[in-house]
């Protein structure tokens, strides 16, 4: 007669962590209220979504363009502030130009947010 144990959970998962990671895992486990580390680890893995974002191609191009626009606008705002501090006033045309540029930036940010959201929705794993 064999002493074969039939289990539903018959696979082992093993991974290594360093001291800091182990301390953090233990800290989170102790605060979690779980009765076993097995339950804690399984829920931590299975109930979370892993998101992968491909930042290449058109997405990367849009990101670089947005970075450039934000950087230019920051420089323009600094120039306007410097001019206002030196002269004590700001010309109406400067304010109107800045409003126009900021509106373009806001529009681009909305488009970028939509692009990121669409990318995330299509890339969610789980």
N, C-alpha and C. Protein backbone atom coordinates (compact mmCIF):
# COMPACT_ATOMS: atom_id res chain seq x y z
N UNK A 1 0.84 -1.18 0.00
CA UNK A 1 0.00 0.00 0.00
C UNK A 1 0.88 1.24 0.00
N UNK A 2 0.62 2.15 -0.90
CA UNK A 2 1.43 3.36 -0.98
C UNK A 2 0.80 4.47 -0.16
N UNK A 3 1.65 5.33 0.35
CA UNK A 3 1.19 6.49 1.11
C UNK A 3 1.13 7.71 0.22
N UNK A 4 0.48 7.58 -0.89
CA UNK A 4 0.40 8.68 -1.85
C UNK A 4 -0.66 9.68 -1.39
N UNK A 5 -0.24 10.93 -1.29
CA UNK A 5 -1.17 12.00 -0.89
C UNK A 5 -1.69 12.67 -2.14
N UNK A 6 -2.99 12.70 -2.26
CA UNK A 6 -3.59 13.36 -3.42
C UNK A 6 -3.98 14.77 -3.01
N UNK A 7 -3.39 15.73 -3.69
CA UNK A 7 -3.66 17.13 -3.39
C UNK A 7 -4.17 17.85 -4.63
N UNK A 8 -5.02 18.82 -4.39
CA UNK A 8 -5.46 19.67 -5.49
C UNK A 8 -4.34 20.65 -5.83
N UNK A 9 -3.72 21.21 -4.80
CA UNK A 9 -2.60 22.14 -4.99
C UNK A 9 -1.31 21.32 -4.98
N UNK A 10 -0.86 20.92 -6.17
CA UNK A 10 0.29 20.03 -6.23
C UNK A 10 1.50 20.66 -6.94
N UNK A 11 1.54 21.98 -7.02
CA UNK A 11 2.69 22.67 -7.62
C UNK A 11 3.32 23.59 -6.57
N UNK A 12 4.63 23.69 -6.63
CA UNK A 12 5.37 24.54 -5.71
C UNK A 12 5.87 25.77 -6.45
N UNK A 13 5.73 26.91 -5.81
CA UNK A 13 6.28 28.16 -6.34
C UNK A 13 7.35 28.62 -5.37
N UNK A 14 8.52 28.94 -5.89
CA UNK A 14 9.65 29.32 -5.05
C UNK A 14 10.33 30.53 -5.67
N UNK A 15 10.64 31.53 -4.85
CA UNK A 15 11.41 32.67 -5.34
C UNK A 15 12.26 33.22 -4.20
N UNK A 16 13.34 33.87 -4.58
CA UNK A 16 14.29 34.40 -3.60
C UNK A 16 14.09 35.90 -3.46
N UNK A 17 14.30 36.40 -2.24
CA UNK A 17 14.25 37.83 -1.96
C UNK A 17 15.44 38.21 -1.09
N UNK A 18 15.77 39.50 -1.08
CA UNK A 18 16.86 39.95 -0.20
C UNK A 18 16.29 40.31 1.17
N UNK A 19 17.16 40.74 2.08
CA UNK A 19 16.74 41.03 3.46
C UNK A 19 15.66 42.11 3.53
N UNK A 20 15.86 43.20 2.77
CA UNK A 20 14.90 44.30 2.80
C UNK A 20 13.54 43.87 2.26
N UNK A 21 13.56 43.11 1.17
CA UNK A 21 12.30 42.63 0.59
C UNK A 21 11.58 41.68 1.55
N UNK A 22 12.35 40.82 2.22
CA UNK A 22 11.74 39.90 3.18
C UNK A 22 11.12 40.66 4.34
N UNK A 23 11.83 41.66 4.83
CA UNK A 23 11.30 42.47 5.92
C UNK A 23 10.00 43.16 5.49
N UNK A 24 9.98 43.67 4.28
CA UNK A 24 8.78 44.34 3.77
C UNK A 24 7.63 43.34 3.59
N UNK A 25 7.92 42.17 3.05
CA UNK A 25 6.89 41.13 2.92
C UNK A 25 6.31 40.76 4.28
N UNK A 26 7.19 40.57 5.26
CA UNK A 26 6.73 40.22 6.61
C UNK A 26 5.90 41.35 7.23
N UNK A 27 6.35 42.58 7.03
CA UNK A 27 5.62 43.73 7.56
C UNK A 27 4.21 43.78 6.96
N UNK A 28 4.12 43.61 5.65
CA UNK A 28 2.81 43.65 4.99
C UNK A 28 1.94 42.47 5.41
N UNK A 29 2.55 41.31 5.53
CA UNK A 29 1.80 40.13 5.96
C UNK A 29 1.25 40.34 7.37
N UNK A 30 2.08 40.82 8.27
CA UNK A 30 1.66 41.03 9.66
C UNK A 30 0.52 42.04 9.76
N UNK A 31 0.51 43.03 8.90
CA UNK A 31 -0.54 44.05 8.91
C UNK A 31 -1.79 43.60 8.16
N UNK A 32 -1.69 42.53 7.39
CA UNK A 32 -2.77 42.14 6.49
C UNK A 32 -3.95 41.45 7.18
N UNK A 33 -3.69 40.75 8.25
CA UNK A 33 -4.77 40.00 8.89
C UNK A 33 -4.98 38.61 8.30
N UNK A 34 -4.17 38.22 7.32
CA UNK A 34 -4.28 36.87 6.77
C UNK A 34 -3.78 35.86 7.79
N UNK A 35 -4.36 34.66 7.75
CA UNK A 35 -3.96 33.61 8.68
C UNK A 35 -2.71 32.88 8.22
N UNK A 36 -2.52 32.79 6.90
CA UNK A 36 -1.33 32.10 6.38
C UNK A 36 -0.65 32.96 5.32
N UNK A 37 0.65 32.78 5.21
CA UNK A 37 1.40 33.50 4.18
C UNK A 37 0.98 33.03 2.80
N UNK A 38 0.60 31.77 2.68
CA UNK A 38 0.15 31.25 1.39
C UNK A 38 -1.04 32.05 0.88
N UNK A 39 -2.05 32.26 1.74
CA UNK A 39 -3.22 33.06 1.36
C UNK A 39 -2.81 34.48 1.01
N UNK A 40 -1.94 35.05 1.83
CA UNK A 40 -1.48 36.42 1.61
C UNK A 40 -0.78 36.55 0.26
N UNK A 41 0.16 35.65 -0.03
CA UNK A 41 0.89 35.71 -1.29
C UNK A 41 -0.04 35.49 -2.48
N UNK A 42 -0.92 34.50 -2.39
CA UNK A 42 -1.84 34.22 -3.49
C UNK A 42 -2.74 35.42 -3.78
N UNK A 43 -3.34 35.98 -2.74
CA UNK A 43 -4.22 37.14 -2.95
C UNK A 43 -3.43 38.33 -3.46
N UNK A 44 -2.22 38.52 -2.95
CA UNK A 44 -1.39 39.64 -3.42
C UNK A 44 -1.11 39.53 -4.91
N UNK A 45 -0.88 38.32 -5.37
CA UNK A 45 -0.57 38.11 -6.78
C UNK A 45 -1.83 38.06 -7.63
N UNK A 46 -2.80 37.27 -7.23
CA UNK A 46 -3.97 37.01 -8.07
C UNK A 46 -4.97 38.16 -8.12
N UNK A 47 -5.04 38.96 -7.08
CA UNK A 47 -6.05 40.02 -7.05
C UNK A 47 -5.53 41.36 -7.55
N UNK A 48 -4.28 41.42 -7.94
CA UNK A 48 -3.72 42.65 -8.49
C UNK A 48 -3.59 42.51 -9.99
N UNK A 49 -3.68 43.63 -10.66
CA UNK A 49 -3.51 43.64 -12.11
C UNK A 49 -2.11 44.13 -12.44
N UNK A 50 -1.51 43.50 -13.40
CA UNK A 50 -0.19 43.89 -13.85
C UNK A 50 -0.37 44.64 -15.16
N UNK A 51 0.17 45.85 -15.21
CA UNK A 51 0.00 46.69 -16.39
C UNK A 51 1.34 46.86 -17.07
N UNK A 52 1.34 46.62 -18.35
CA UNK A 52 2.55 46.78 -19.16
C UNK A 52 2.27 47.84 -20.21
N UNK A 53 3.10 48.87 -20.26
CA UNK A 53 2.91 49.95 -21.22
C UNK A 53 4.07 49.94 -22.20
N UNK A 54 3.75 49.87 -23.47
CA UNK A 54 4.76 49.93 -24.52
C UNK A 54 5.01 51.40 -24.84
N UNK A 55 6.18 51.91 -24.45
CA UNK A 55 6.49 53.31 -24.72
C UNK A 55 7.42 53.40 -25.93
N UNK A 56 6.94 52.88 -27.03
CA UNK A 56 7.70 52.97 -28.27
C UNK A 56 6.76 53.46 -29.37
N UNK A 57 7.31 53.68 -30.53
CA UNK A 57 6.50 54.07 -31.68
C UNK A 57 5.78 55.38 -31.49
N UNK A 58 4.52 55.42 -31.88
CA UNK A 58 3.71 56.64 -31.82
C UNK A 58 3.56 57.14 -30.39
N UNK A 59 3.44 56.23 -29.44
CA UNK A 59 3.29 56.61 -28.04
C UNK A 59 4.53 57.38 -27.56
N UNK A 60 5.71 56.89 -27.90
CA UNK A 60 6.96 57.55 -27.51
C UNK A 60 7.08 58.91 -28.17
N UNK A 61 6.68 58.99 -29.44
CA UNK A 61 6.73 60.26 -30.17
C UNK A 61 5.83 61.30 -29.49
N UNK A 62 4.62 60.90 -29.13
CA UNK A 62 3.68 61.80 -28.45
C UNK A 62 4.24 62.23 -27.10
N UNK A 63 4.86 61.31 -26.39
CA UNK A 63 5.43 61.63 -25.09
C UNK A 63 6.55 62.66 -25.22
N UNK A 64 7.44 62.47 -26.20
CA UNK A 64 8.53 63.43 -26.42
C UNK A 64 7.98 64.80 -26.81
N UNK A 65 6.97 64.82 -27.67
CA UNK A 65 6.37 66.08 -28.09
C UNK A 65 5.73 66.80 -26.91
N UNK A 66 5.06 66.05 -26.05
CA UNK A 66 4.45 66.64 -24.87
C UNK A 66 5.50 67.18 -23.92
N UNK A 67 6.58 66.44 -23.71
CA UNK A 67 7.67 66.91 -22.86
C UNK A 67 8.24 68.21 -23.39
N UNK A 68 8.44 68.27 -24.68
CA UNK A 68 8.99 69.47 -25.31
C UNK A 68 8.07 70.66 -25.13
N UNK A 69 6.77 70.45 -25.34
CA UNK A 69 5.80 71.53 -25.20
C UNK A 69 5.75 72.05 -23.77
N UNK A 70 5.73 71.15 -22.81
CA UNK A 70 5.69 71.55 -21.40
C UNK A 70 6.96 72.32 -21.04
N UNK A 71 8.10 71.86 -21.52
CA UNK A 71 9.37 72.53 -21.25
C UNK A 71 9.40 73.94 -21.84
N UNK A 72 8.94 74.06 -23.09
CA UNK A 72 8.90 75.39 -23.72
C UNK A 72 7.96 76.33 -22.97
N UNK A 73 6.81 75.82 -22.56
CA UNK A 73 5.86 76.65 -21.84
C UNK A 73 6.41 77.09 -20.49
N UNK A 74 7.12 76.21 -19.82
CA UNK A 74 7.73 76.57 -18.54
C UNK A 74 8.74 77.69 -18.75
N UNK A 75 9.53 77.60 -19.81
CA UNK A 75 10.51 78.66 -20.12
C UNK A 75 9.79 79.97 -20.43
N UNK A 76 8.70 79.90 -21.19
CA UNK A 76 7.93 81.12 -21.51
C UNK A 76 7.34 81.76 -20.26
N UNK A 77 6.82 80.95 -19.38
CA UNK A 77 6.25 81.48 -18.13
C UNK A 77 7.34 82.15 -17.31
N UNK A 78 8.52 81.55 -17.25
CA UNK A 78 9.63 82.17 -16.52
C UNK A 78 10.02 83.50 -17.14
N UNK A 79 10.04 83.59 -18.46
CA UNK A 79 10.37 84.85 -19.13
C UNK A 79 9.32 85.92 -18.83
N UNK A 80 8.06 85.53 -18.85
CA UNK A 80 6.99 86.49 -18.54
C UNK A 80 7.10 86.97 -17.10
N UNK A 81 7.37 86.06 -16.18
CA UNK A 81 7.53 86.43 -14.78
C UNK A 81 8.71 87.37 -14.59
N UNK A 82 9.82 87.08 -15.27
CA UNK A 82 11.00 87.94 -15.19
C UNK A 82 10.68 89.33 -15.72
N UNK A 83 9.99 89.39 -16.86
CA UNK A 83 9.60 90.67 -17.46
C UNK A 83 8.67 91.44 -16.52
N UNK A 84 7.71 90.75 -15.92
CA UNK A 84 6.77 91.40 -15.01
C UNK A 84 7.48 91.93 -13.78
N UNK A 85 8.44 91.18 -13.26
CA UNK A 85 9.20 91.63 -12.09
C UNK A 85 10.05 92.85 -12.41
N UNK A 86 10.62 92.90 -13.62
CA UNK A 86 11.48 94.02 -13.99
C UNK A 86 10.67 95.26 -14.33
N UNK A 87 9.57 95.09 -15.07
CA UNK A 87 8.81 96.26 -15.53
C UNK A 87 7.65 96.62 -14.62
N UNK A 88 7.22 95.67 -13.81
CA UNK A 88 6.08 95.93 -12.94
C UNK A 88 4.74 95.68 -13.61
N UNK A 89 4.76 95.27 -14.89
CA UNK A 89 3.50 94.99 -15.59
C UNK A 89 3.73 93.94 -16.68
N UNK A 90 2.62 93.40 -17.18
CA UNK A 90 2.68 92.43 -18.26
C UNK A 90 1.79 92.95 -19.39
N UNK A 91 2.30 92.88 -20.60
CA UNK A 91 1.50 93.31 -21.74
C UNK A 91 0.39 92.31 -22.01
N UNK A 92 -0.76 92.85 -22.44
CA UNK A 92 -1.93 92.02 -22.71
C UNK A 92 -1.62 90.95 -23.75
N UNK A 93 -0.87 91.30 -24.78
CA UNK A 93 -0.55 90.35 -25.85
C UNK A 93 0.24 89.16 -25.33
N UNK A 94 1.12 89.40 -24.34
CA UNK A 94 1.89 88.31 -23.76
C UNK A 94 0.97 87.33 -23.03
N UNK A 95 0.01 87.87 -22.31
CA UNK A 95 -0.94 87.03 -21.59
C UNK A 95 -1.78 86.23 -22.57
N UNK A 96 -2.26 86.89 -23.63
CA UNK A 96 -3.08 86.20 -24.64
C UNK A 96 -2.30 85.09 -25.33
N UNK A 97 -1.03 85.37 -25.67
CA UNK A 97 -0.19 84.35 -26.29
C UNK A 97 0.01 83.16 -25.36
N UNK A 98 0.24 83.46 -24.09
CA UNK A 98 0.46 82.39 -23.13
C UNK A 98 -0.81 81.57 -22.94
N UNK A 99 -1.97 82.23 -22.91
CA UNK A 99 -3.23 81.51 -22.79
C UNK A 99 -3.43 80.57 -23.97
N UNK A 100 -3.11 81.05 -25.17
CA UNK A 100 -3.25 80.23 -26.37
C UNK A 100 -2.34 79.00 -26.30
N UNK A 101 -1.11 79.22 -25.90
CA UNK A 101 -0.15 78.12 -25.80
C UNK A 101 -0.59 77.12 -24.73
N UNK A 102 -1.06 77.64 -23.60
CA UNK A 102 -1.51 76.75 -22.53
C UNK A 102 -2.75 75.96 -22.94
N UNK A 103 -3.64 76.57 -23.73
CA UNK A 103 -4.80 75.84 -24.23
C UNK A 103 -4.36 74.67 -25.12
N UNK A 104 -3.35 74.92 -25.96
CA UNK A 104 -2.82 73.84 -26.80
C UNK A 104 -2.23 72.73 -25.93
N UNK A 105 -1.52 73.13 -24.89
CA UNK A 105 -0.92 72.15 -24.00
C UNK A 105 -2.00 71.33 -23.29
N UNK A 106 -3.05 72.00 -22.83
CA UNK A 106 -4.15 71.30 -22.17
C UNK A 106 -4.79 70.30 -23.12
N UNK A 107 -5.02 70.73 -24.36
CA UNK A 107 -5.61 69.83 -25.36
C UNK A 107 -4.71 68.62 -25.59
N UNK A 108 -3.42 68.87 -25.69
CA UNK A 108 -2.48 67.78 -25.91
C UNK A 108 -2.45 66.84 -24.71
N UNK A 109 -2.53 67.40 -23.50
CA UNK A 109 -2.56 66.57 -22.30
C UNK A 109 -3.81 65.68 -22.27
N UNK A 110 -4.96 66.23 -22.67
CA UNK A 110 -6.18 65.42 -22.73
C UNK A 110 -6.03 64.29 -23.75
N UNK A 111 -5.47 64.62 -24.91
CA UNK A 111 -5.27 63.60 -25.94
C UNK A 111 -4.29 62.53 -25.45
N UNK A 112 -3.24 62.98 -24.77
CA UNK A 112 -2.25 62.05 -24.25
C UNK A 112 -2.86 61.15 -23.18
N UNK A 113 -3.67 61.74 -22.30
CA UNK A 113 -4.34 60.96 -21.27
C UNK A 113 -5.24 59.89 -21.90
N UNK A 114 -5.95 60.29 -22.94
CA UNK A 114 -6.82 59.34 -23.64
C UNK A 114 -5.99 58.22 -24.27
N UNK A 115 -4.86 58.60 -24.86
CA UNK A 115 -3.97 57.62 -25.49
C UNK A 115 -3.44 56.64 -24.44
N UNK A 116 -3.03 57.16 -23.29
CA UNK A 116 -2.52 56.30 -22.21
C UNK A 116 -3.63 55.39 -21.71
N UNK A 117 -4.82 55.95 -21.49
CA UNK A 117 -5.94 55.14 -21.01
C UNK A 117 -6.27 54.02 -21.98
N UNK A 118 -6.33 54.34 -23.26
CA UNK A 118 -6.63 53.32 -24.26
C UNK A 118 -5.55 52.26 -24.29
N UNK A 119 -4.29 52.69 -24.17
CA UNK A 119 -3.17 51.76 -24.16
C UNK A 119 -3.25 50.86 -22.93
N UNK A 120 -3.54 51.45 -21.77
CA UNK A 120 -3.63 50.66 -20.54
C UNK A 120 -4.76 49.64 -20.63
N UNK A 121 -5.89 50.07 -21.14
CA UNK A 121 -7.03 49.16 -21.23
C UNK A 121 -6.69 47.97 -22.11
N UNK A 122 -5.99 48.22 -23.21
CA UNK A 122 -5.66 47.11 -24.11
C UNK A 122 -4.49 46.28 -23.61
N UNK A 123 -3.71 46.81 -22.67
CA UNK A 123 -2.52 46.11 -22.20
C UNK A 123 -2.69 45.44 -20.84
N UNK A 124 -3.86 45.57 -20.22
CA UNK A 124 -4.04 44.98 -18.89
C UNK A 124 -3.97 43.46 -19.00
N UNK A 125 -3.17 42.91 -18.13
CA UNK A 125 -3.00 41.46 -18.09
C UNK A 125 -3.71 40.96 -16.84
N UNK A 126 -4.50 39.93 -16.98
CA UNK A 126 -5.10 39.40 -15.76
C UNK A 126 -6.44 38.82 -15.94
